[in-house]
Amino acid sequence: MSKIMIIDDSLVARMSLKSCIPKDSGHEIKEGNDGSVAIELYQSFRPDVTFMDLTMPGIDGITALERIRQIDPTALIIILTADIQRRTFERVTELGAFGILKKPPVREAVITELDKALAAGATK
């Protein structure tokens, strides 16, 4: 059983992403609504994979990504964003994001990224 963290300020977005993850997979899922929650929850929950939005009130996803990677340089974080600017993709890649998915998430893409991240995590 893997631990998955979903961070997005939109409850609808969190529910949408959660619905993409097969229910029979046995994953333990925790949710949060902003970057400060992401940082705190990451430290206590220690997820195998984190899905995180970029645009959130308070601490945004880019800052949370940076801080989580400082806490755990091996953290596997998949960014979910509607921002498709090249510079955004470059920035989150530079900060160590494992992957980037465009919003709204497509079930097959979520499963593919999750499987890749879990496989990568099994080797760390």
N, C-alpha and C. Protein backbone atom coordinates (compact mmCIF):
# COMPACT_ATOMS: atom_id res chain seq x y z
N MET A 1 0.85 -1.19 0.00
CA MET A 1 0.00 0.00 0.00
C MET A 1 0.89 1.24 0.00
N SER A 2 0.57 2.17 -0.87
CA SER A 2 1.34 3.40 -0.98
C SER A 2 0.58 4.56 -0.35
N LYS A 3 1.34 5.57 0.04
CA LYS A 3 0.75 6.77 0.60
C LYS A 3 0.78 7.86 -0.47
N ILE A 4 -0.37 8.49 -0.67
CA ILE A 4 -0.50 9.54 -1.68
C ILE A 4 -1.05 10.79 -1.01
N MET A 5 -0.43 11.92 -1.33
CA MET A 5 -0.90 13.20 -0.81
C MET A 5 -1.41 14.04 -1.99
N ILE A 6 -2.57 14.65 -1.81
CA ILE A 6 -3.17 15.51 -2.83
C ILE A 6 -3.34 16.90 -2.22
N ILE A 7 -2.70 17.89 -2.86
CA ILE A 7 -2.76 19.27 -2.36
C ILE A 7 -3.31 20.17 -3.45
N ASP A 8 -4.45 20.77 -3.17
CA ASP A 8 -5.09 21.70 -4.10
C ASP A 8 -6.09 22.53 -3.31
N ASP A 9 -6.16 23.82 -3.57
CA ASP A 9 -7.10 24.65 -2.83
C ASP A 9 -8.55 24.41 -3.23
N SER A 10 -8.77 23.73 -4.34
CA SER A 10 -10.12 23.44 -4.82
C SER A 10 -10.54 22.03 -4.40
N LEU A 11 -11.61 21.96 -3.61
CA LEU A 11 -12.15 20.66 -3.20
C LEU A 11 -12.57 19.86 -4.43
N VAL A 12 -13.15 20.51 -5.41
CA VAL A 12 -13.59 19.84 -6.63
C VAL A 12 -12.39 19.23 -7.36
N ALA A 13 -11.29 19.97 -7.44
CA ALA A 13 -10.08 19.46 -8.09
C ALA A 13 -9.52 18.26 -7.34
N ARG A 14 -9.53 18.33 -6.00
CA ARG A 14 -9.04 17.19 -5.20
C ARG A 14 -9.92 15.97 -5.42
N MET A 15 -11.22 16.18 -5.44
CA MET A 15 -12.15 15.06 -5.66
C MET A 15 -11.97 14.48 -7.06
N SER A 16 -11.77 15.35 -8.04
CA SER A 16 -11.57 14.91 -9.42
C SER A 16 -10.31 14.05 -9.54
N LEU A 17 -9.23 14.51 -8.93
CA LEU A 17 -7.98 13.76 -8.97
C LEU A 17 -8.13 12.43 -8.23
N LYS A 18 -8.74 12.49 -7.08
CA LYS A 18 -8.94 11.28 -6.27
C LYS A 18 -9.74 10.23 -7.04
N SER A 19 -10.71 10.69 -7.84
CA SER A 19 -11.53 9.76 -8.62
C SER A 19 -10.74 9.09 -9.74
N CYS A 20 -9.58 9.64 -10.09
CA CYS A 20 -8.73 9.05 -11.13
C CYS A 20 -7.89 7.90 -10.59
N ILE A 21 -7.74 7.83 -9.28
CA ILE A 21 -6.91 6.80 -8.66
C ILE A 21 -7.80 5.59 -8.38
N PRO A 22 -7.44 4.43 -8.91
CA PRO A 22 -8.29 3.24 -8.72
C PRO A 22 -8.56 2.97 -7.23
N LYS A 23 -9.83 2.81 -6.91
CA LYS A 23 -10.23 2.62 -5.52
C LYS A 23 -9.75 1.28 -4.95
N ASP A 24 -9.57 0.30 -5.80
CA ASP A 24 -9.16 -1.03 -5.33
C ASP A 24 -7.64 -1.16 -5.20
N SER A 25 -6.93 -0.05 -5.36
CA SER A 25 -5.46 -0.09 -5.31
C SER A 25 -4.92 -0.13 -3.89
N GLY A 26 -5.75 0.19 -2.91
CA GLY A 26 -5.34 0.13 -1.52
C GLY A 26 -4.45 1.28 -1.06
N HIS A 27 -4.39 2.36 -1.84
CA HIS A 27 -3.56 3.50 -1.45
C HIS A 27 -4.20 4.26 -0.28
N GLU A 28 -3.35 4.76 0.60
CA GLU A 28 -3.81 5.65 1.66
C GLU A 28 -3.64 7.07 1.15
N ILE A 29 -4.72 7.84 1.15
CA ILE A 29 -4.70 9.18 0.57
C ILE A 29 -5.02 10.22 1.63
N LYS A 30 -4.18 11.26 1.69
CA LYS A 30 -4.43 12.41 2.57
C LYS A 30 -4.48 13.64 1.68
N GLU A 31 -5.29 14.61 2.09
CA GLU A 31 -5.49 15.82 1.30
C GLU A 31 -5.19 17.08 2.09
N GLY A 32 -4.84 18.13 1.35
CA GLY A 32 -4.64 19.43 1.95
C GLY A 32 -5.01 20.50 0.95
N ASN A 33 -5.19 21.75 1.46
CA ASN A 33 -5.71 22.80 0.58
C ASN A 33 -4.75 23.96 0.33
N ASP A 34 -3.51 23.88 0.84
CA ASP A 34 -2.55 24.94 0.49
C ASP A 34 -1.13 24.47 0.77
N GLY A 35 -0.18 25.31 0.38
CA GLY A 35 1.22 24.93 0.48
C GLY A 35 1.72 24.72 1.90
N SER A 36 1.21 25.51 2.85
CA SER A 36 1.67 25.33 4.23
C SER A 36 1.19 23.98 4.77
N VAL A 37 -0.02 23.60 4.43
CA VAL A 37 -0.54 22.28 4.82
C VAL A 37 0.30 21.19 4.15
N ALA A 38 0.67 21.41 2.90
CA ALA A 38 1.49 20.43 2.17
C ALA A 38 2.80 20.16 2.89
N ILE A 39 3.46 21.22 3.32
CA ILE A 39 4.75 21.09 3.99
C ILE A 39 4.60 20.36 5.32
N GLU A 40 3.61 20.76 6.12
CA GLU A 40 3.37 20.12 7.41
C GLU A 40 2.95 18.66 7.25
N LEU A 41 2.01 18.43 6.34
CA LEU A 41 1.50 17.07 6.13
C LEU A 41 2.58 16.16 5.56
N TYR A 42 3.42 16.71 4.70
CA TYR A 42 4.50 15.91 4.13
C TYR A 42 5.39 15.36 5.25
N GLN A 43 5.72 16.20 6.21
CA GLN A 43 6.62 15.79 7.28
C GLN A 43 6.02 14.73 8.19
N SER A 44 4.71 14.79 8.42
CA SER A 44 4.09 13.81 9.31
C SER A 44 3.62 12.55 8.57
N PHE A 45 3.16 12.70 7.34
CA PHE A 45 2.58 11.58 6.58
C PHE A 45 3.64 10.83 5.76
N ARG A 46 4.66 11.55 5.30
CA ARG A 46 5.72 11.00 4.45
C ARG A 46 5.15 10.19 3.27
N PRO A 47 4.43 10.88 2.37
CA PRO A 47 3.82 10.19 1.24
C PRO A 47 4.86 9.63 0.28
N ASP A 48 4.47 8.59 -0.42
CA ASP A 48 5.31 8.04 -1.49
C ASP A 48 5.24 8.94 -2.71
N VAL A 49 4.06 9.52 -2.95
CA VAL A 49 3.85 10.40 -4.10
C VAL A 49 2.94 11.55 -3.67
N THR A 50 3.26 12.74 -4.15
CA THR A 50 2.43 13.92 -3.88
C THR A 50 1.97 14.51 -5.20
N PHE A 51 0.68 14.79 -5.29
CA PHE A 51 0.11 15.56 -6.40
C PHE A 51 -0.17 16.94 -5.85
N MET A 52 0.32 18.00 -6.53
CA MET A 52 0.17 19.33 -5.97
C MET A 52 -0.12 20.38 -7.05
N ASP A 53 -1.08 21.22 -6.74
CA ASP A 53 -1.43 22.37 -7.57
C ASP A 53 -0.36 23.45 -7.39
N LEU A 54 -0.25 24.35 -8.35
CA LEU A 54 0.69 25.45 -8.24
C LEU A 54 0.06 26.71 -7.67
N THR A 55 -1.14 27.04 -8.11
CA THR A 55 -1.77 28.29 -7.73
C THR A 55 -2.70 28.07 -6.54
N MET A 56 -2.20 28.50 -5.37
CA MET A 56 -2.97 28.36 -4.14
C MET A 56 -2.73 29.59 -3.29
N PRO A 57 -3.69 29.95 -2.44
CA PRO A 57 -3.48 31.10 -1.55
C PRO A 57 -2.41 30.78 -0.51
N GLY A 58 -1.82 31.81 0.05
CA GLY A 58 -0.77 31.59 1.05
C GLY A 58 0.49 31.10 0.35
N ILE A 59 1.01 29.98 0.81
CA ILE A 59 2.20 29.39 0.19
C ILE A 59 1.76 28.66 -1.07
N ASP A 60 2.31 29.10 -2.21
CA ASP A 60 1.91 28.49 -3.48
C ASP A 60 2.64 27.16 -3.70
N GLY A 61 2.28 26.48 -4.76
CA GLY A 61 2.84 25.17 -5.06
C GLY A 61 4.32 25.19 -5.38
N ILE A 62 4.80 26.25 -6.01
CA ILE A 62 6.23 26.33 -6.33
C ILE A 62 7.05 26.43 -5.05
N THR A 63 6.62 27.27 -4.13
CA THR A 63 7.33 27.42 -2.85
C THR A 63 7.24 26.12 -2.05
N ALA A 64 6.06 25.50 -2.02
CA ALA A 64 5.89 24.24 -1.29
C ALA A 64 6.77 23.15 -1.90
N LEU A 65 6.83 23.09 -3.21
CA LEU A 65 7.68 22.12 -3.90
C LEU A 65 9.14 22.30 -3.45
N GLU A 66 9.57 23.54 -3.47
CA GLU A 66 10.95 23.86 -3.10
C GLU A 66 11.24 23.45 -1.65
N ARG A 67 10.33 23.78 -0.75
CA ARG A 67 10.54 23.47 0.68
C ARG A 67 10.49 21.97 0.96
N ILE A 68 9.55 21.29 0.31
CA ILE A 68 9.45 19.84 0.52
C ILE A 68 10.72 19.16 0.00
N ARG A 69 11.22 19.60 -1.14
CA ARG A 69 12.44 18.99 -1.70
C ARG A 69 13.66 19.31 -0.82
N GLN A 70 13.62 20.42 -0.07
CA GLN A 70 14.69 20.70 0.89
C GLN A 70 14.62 19.73 2.07
N ILE A 71 13.40 19.42 2.49
CA ILE A 71 13.19 18.47 3.59
C ILE A 71 13.58 17.06 3.15
N ASP A 72 13.16 16.70 1.94
CA ASP A 72 13.40 15.36 1.40
C ASP A 72 13.75 15.48 -0.09
N PRO A 73 15.03 15.48 -0.42
CA PRO A 73 15.45 15.62 -1.81
C PRO A 73 14.96 14.50 -2.73
N THR A 74 14.47 13.41 -2.15
CA THR A 74 13.96 12.31 -2.98
C THR A 74 12.44 12.34 -3.12
N ALA A 75 11.79 13.38 -2.59
CA ALA A 75 10.33 13.48 -2.66
C ALA A 75 9.86 13.41 -4.11
N LEU A 76 8.83 12.63 -4.35
CA LEU A 76 8.25 12.46 -5.68
C LEU A 76 6.98 13.31 -5.76
N ILE A 77 7.09 14.44 -6.43
CA ILE A 77 5.99 15.40 -6.50
C ILE A 77 5.57 15.59 -7.94
N ILE A 78 4.30 15.36 -8.20
CA ILE A 78 3.72 15.56 -9.52
C ILE A 78 2.89 16.83 -9.45
N ILE A 79 3.22 17.78 -10.29
CA ILE A 79 2.54 19.07 -10.31
C ILE A 79 1.32 18.98 -11.21
N LEU A 80 0.20 19.51 -10.71
CA LEU A 80 -1.03 19.64 -11.50
C LEU A 80 -1.27 21.12 -11.71
N THR A 81 -1.42 21.53 -12.95
CA THR A 81 -1.60 22.96 -13.19
C THR A 81 -2.36 23.22 -14.48
N ALA A 82 -3.07 24.34 -14.48
CA ALA A 82 -3.71 24.83 -15.70
C ALA A 82 -2.76 25.78 -16.43
N ASP A 83 -1.66 26.15 -15.75
CA ASP A 83 -0.66 27.06 -16.31
C ASP A 83 0.23 26.26 -17.26
N ILE A 84 0.11 26.52 -18.54
CA ILE A 84 0.86 25.75 -19.52
C ILE A 84 2.04 26.53 -20.11
N GLN A 85 2.45 27.59 -19.43
CA GLN A 85 3.57 28.38 -19.91
C GLN A 85 4.87 27.56 -19.80
N ARG A 86 5.69 27.69 -20.81
CA ARG A 86 6.96 26.96 -20.86
C ARG A 86 7.83 27.27 -19.63
N ARG A 87 7.88 28.53 -19.24
CA ARG A 87 8.70 28.93 -18.11
C ARG A 87 8.25 28.25 -16.81
N THR A 88 6.96 28.06 -16.65
CA THR A 88 6.44 27.36 -15.46
C THR A 88 6.93 25.92 -15.45
N PHE A 89 6.84 25.25 -16.61
CA PHE A 89 7.30 23.87 -16.71
C PHE A 89 8.80 23.79 -16.39
N GLU A 90 9.57 24.73 -16.93
CA GLU A 90 11.01 24.76 -16.68
C GLU A 90 11.31 24.96 -15.20
N ARG A 91 10.59 25.87 -14.58
CA ARG A 91 10.83 26.20 -13.16
C ARG A 91 10.56 25.00 -12.26
N VAL A 92 9.42 24.35 -12.43
CA VAL A 92 9.11 23.22 -11.55
C VAL A 92 10.03 22.03 -11.82
N THR A 93 10.47 21.89 -13.05
CA THR A 93 11.44 20.85 -13.38
C THR A 93 12.77 21.13 -12.69
N GLU A 94 13.21 22.40 -12.75
CA GLU A 94 14.45 22.80 -12.07
C GLU A 94 14.38 22.52 -10.56
N LEU A 95 13.20 22.69 -9.99
CA LEU A 95 13.03 22.50 -8.55
C LEU A 95 12.87 21.03 -8.17
N GLY A 96 12.80 20.16 -9.16
CA GLY A 96 12.78 18.73 -8.88
C GLY A 96 11.44 18.04 -8.95
N ALA A 97 10.45 18.66 -9.61
CA ALA A 97 9.17 17.98 -9.77
C ALA A 97 9.39 16.69 -10.56
N PHE A 98 8.74 15.63 -10.13
CA PHE A 98 8.87 14.35 -10.83
C PHE A 98 8.13 14.38 -12.16
N GLY A 99 6.98 15.05 -12.17
CA GLY A 99 6.17 15.11 -13.38
C GLY A 99 5.23 16.30 -13.33
N ILE A 100 4.61 16.57 -14.47
CA ILE A 100 3.66 17.67 -14.59
C ILE A 100 2.45 17.17 -15.36
N LEU A 101 1.28 17.40 -14.80
CA LEU A 101 0.03 17.05 -15.47
C LEU A 101 -0.80 18.31 -15.64
N LYS A 102 -1.44 18.43 -16.79
CA LYS A 102 -2.31 19.58 -17.04
C LYS A 102 -3.68 19.32 -16.42
N LYS A 103 -4.26 20.40 -15.93
CA LYS A 103 -5.62 20.34 -15.40
C LYS A 103 -6.60 20.58 -16.52
N PRO A 104 -7.76 19.98 -16.49
CA PRO A 104 -8.19 18.97 -15.53
C PRO A 104 -7.48 17.64 -15.81
N PRO A 105 -7.25 16.86 -14.77
CA PRO A 105 -6.51 15.61 -14.96
C PRO A 105 -7.31 14.58 -15.75
N VAL A 106 -6.60 13.84 -16.56
CA VAL A 106 -7.18 12.74 -17.33
C VAL A 106 -6.78 11.45 -16.62
N ARG A 107 -7.75 10.60 -16.38
CA ARG A 107 -7.53 9.38 -15.59
C ARG A 107 -6.30 8.59 -16.05
N GLU A 108 -6.19 8.34 -17.34
CA GLU A 108 -5.07 7.54 -17.85
C GLU A 108 -3.72 8.20 -17.56
N ALA A 109 -3.66 9.53 -17.71
CA ALA A 109 -2.42 10.26 -17.45
C ALA A 109 -2.06 10.21 -15.97
N VAL A 110 -3.06 10.33 -15.10
CA VAL A 110 -2.82 10.26 -13.65
C VAL A 110 -2.28 8.89 -13.28
N ILE A 111 -2.91 7.84 -13.79
CA ILE A 111 -2.47 6.48 -13.48
C ILE A 111 -1.06 6.24 -14.00
N THR A 112 -0.78 6.71 -15.21
CA THR A 112 0.56 6.54 -15.79
C THR A 112 1.62 7.23 -14.94
N GLU A 113 1.37 8.50 -14.57
CA GLU A 113 2.34 9.24 -13.75
C GLU A 113 2.49 8.61 -12.37
N LEU A 114 1.38 8.20 -11.78
CA LEU A 114 1.43 7.57 -10.46
C LEU A 114 2.24 6.28 -10.52
N ASP A 115 2.00 5.45 -11.52
CA ASP A 115 2.74 4.20 -11.66
C ASP A 115 4.23 4.45 -11.86
N LYS A 116 4.58 5.46 -12.68
CA LYS A 116 5.99 5.80 -12.90
C LYS A 116 6.63 6.26 -11.59
N ALA A 117 5.93 7.10 -10.85
CA ALA A 117 6.47 7.61 -9.59
C ALA A 117 6.64 6.49 -8.57
N LEU A 118 5.66 5.61 -8.47
CA LEU A 118 5.76 4.49 -7.51
C LEU A 118 6.90 3.56 -7.89
N ALA A 119 7.10 3.33 -9.18
CA ALA A 119 8.22 2.51 -9.63
C ALA A 119 9.55 3.17 -9.30
N ALA A 120 9.62 4.48 -9.51
CA ALA A 120 10.85 5.22 -9.19
C ALA A 120 11.10 5.20 -7.68
N GLY A 121 10.02 5.31 -6.91
CA GLY A 121 10.14 5.30 -5.45
C GLY A 121 10.59 3.96 -4.92
N ALA A 122 10.24 2.89 -5.61
CA ALA A 122 10.63 1.54 -5.18
C ALA A 122 12.14 1.33 -5.32
N THR A 123 12.76 2.14 -6.17
CA THR A 123 14.20 1.99 -6.40
C THR A 123 15.04 2.95 -5.57
N LYS A 124 14.37 3.86 -4.82
CA LYS A 124 15.18 4.83 -4.05
C LYS A 124 15.52 4.34 -2.67
